[in-house]
Amino acid sequence: MFGDNFFKKVEKKTNVNKDTIMSLAKKLQNSNMKDEKVLRDMVQEISAITGKEVSKEKEDKIVNAIVQDNVPKDIDKMF
């Protein structure tokens, strides 16, 4: 689905390797992405992995965007 170029861009920007990304993707795939608690746990986990702090306000925006389906469909363009 995603080529090595995509993973290299993500790794360069986040310092998170391909194996960790794939592990998170698998976990996300098996999760209820409309469950606010699941989403908040995932945001916090990604925050910890990347070493980037996410404020409560930003977490709220992320969760609301996902629940309301306001997420870009072309993830590759985000990088």
Protein backbone atom coordinates (compact mmCIF):
# COMPACT_ATOMS: atom_id res chain seq x y z
CA MET A 1 0.00 0.00 0.00
CA PHE A 2 2.69 2.51 1.02
CA GLY A 3 6.14 2.43 -0.51
CA ASP A 4 9.49 2.70 1.21
CA ASN A 5 9.65 6.38 0.22
CA PHE A 6 6.57 7.07 2.34
CA PHE A 7 8.06 5.32 5.38
CA LYS A 8 11.36 7.16 4.93
CA LYS A 9 9.51 10.50 4.95
CA VAL A 10 7.57 9.54 8.06
CA GLU A 11 10.66 8.22 9.84
CA LYS A 12 12.63 11.37 9.00
CA LYS A 13 9.85 13.61 10.28
CA THR A 14 8.94 11.61 13.39
CA ASN A 15 11.98 9.45 14.25
CA VAL A 16 9.63 6.44 14.34
CA ASN A 17 10.77 3.38 12.39
CA LYS A 18 8.74 1.34 9.90
CA ASP A 19 8.25 -1.60 12.29
CA THR A 20 6.73 0.66 14.95
CA ILE A 21 4.50 2.31 12.34
CA MET A 22 3.31 -1.09 11.10
CA SER A 23 2.64 -2.24 14.67
CA LEU A 24 0.57 0.88 15.34
CA ALA A 25 -1.30 0.44 12.05
CA LYS A 26 -2.21 -3.13 12.97
CA LYS A 27 -3.39 -1.98 16.38
CA LEU A 28 -5.47 0.78 14.78
CA GLN A 29 -6.95 -1.65 12.29
CA ASN A 30 -8.27 -3.80 15.11
CA SER A 31 -9.65 -0.85 17.10
CA ASN A 32 -12.98 0.94 17.14
CA MET A 33 -12.04 4.30 15.63
CA LYS A 34 -15.33 5.85 16.78
CA ASP A 35 -14.64 5.09 20.44
CA GLU A 36 -13.34 8.27 22.06
CA LYS A 37 -11.39 6.42 24.77
CA VAL A 38 -9.64 4.23 22.19
CA LEU A 39 -8.73 7.33 20.18
CA ARG A 40 -7.41 9.22 23.21
CA ASP A 41 -5.31 6.20 24.24
CA MET A 42 -3.92 6.01 20.71
CA VAL A 43 -3.09 9.74 20.62
CA GLN A 44 -1.27 9.41 23.93
CA GLU A 45 0.62 6.32 22.74
CA ILE A 46 1.70 8.03 19.53
CA SER A 47 2.67 11.10 21.53
CA ALA A 48 4.90 8.97 23.75
CA ILE A 49 6.47 7.11 20.82
CA THR A 50 7.29 10.31 18.93
CA GLY A 51 8.31 12.29 22.01
CA LYS A 52 5.91 15.07 21.02
CA GLU A 53 3.62 16.43 23.68
CA VAL A 54 -0.04 16.82 22.70
CA SER A 55 -2.07 19.38 24.63
CA LYS A 56 -5.59 18.53 25.83
CA GLU A 57 -6.96 21.04 23.29
CA LYS A 58 -5.07 19.43 20.41
CA GLU A 59 -6.08 15.95 21.56
CA ASP A 60 -9.72 17.08 21.57
CA LYS A 61 -9.36 18.41 18.01
CA ILE A 62 -7.74 15.18 16.79
CA VAL A 63 -10.39 12.97 18.41
CA ASN A 64 -13.25 15.13 17.12
CA ALA A 65 -11.83 15.18 13.59
CA ILE A 66 -11.58 11.38 13.52
CA VAL A 67 -15.02 10.78 15.04
CA GLN A 68 -16.60 13.23 12.58
CA ASP A 69 -14.69 11.79 9.58
CA ASN A 70 -12.82 15.05 8.94
CA VAL A 71 -9.48 13.32 8.26
CA PRO A 72 -7.68 13.76 4.92
CA LYS A 73 -8.12 10.70 2.70
CA ASP A 74 -4.69 11.05 1.03
CA ILE A 75 -2.26 10.57 3.92
CA ASP A 76 0.78 10.75 1.61
CA LYS A 77 0.03 14.44 0.93
CA MET A 78 0.31 15.19 4.66
CA PHE A 79 4.08 14.64 4.40
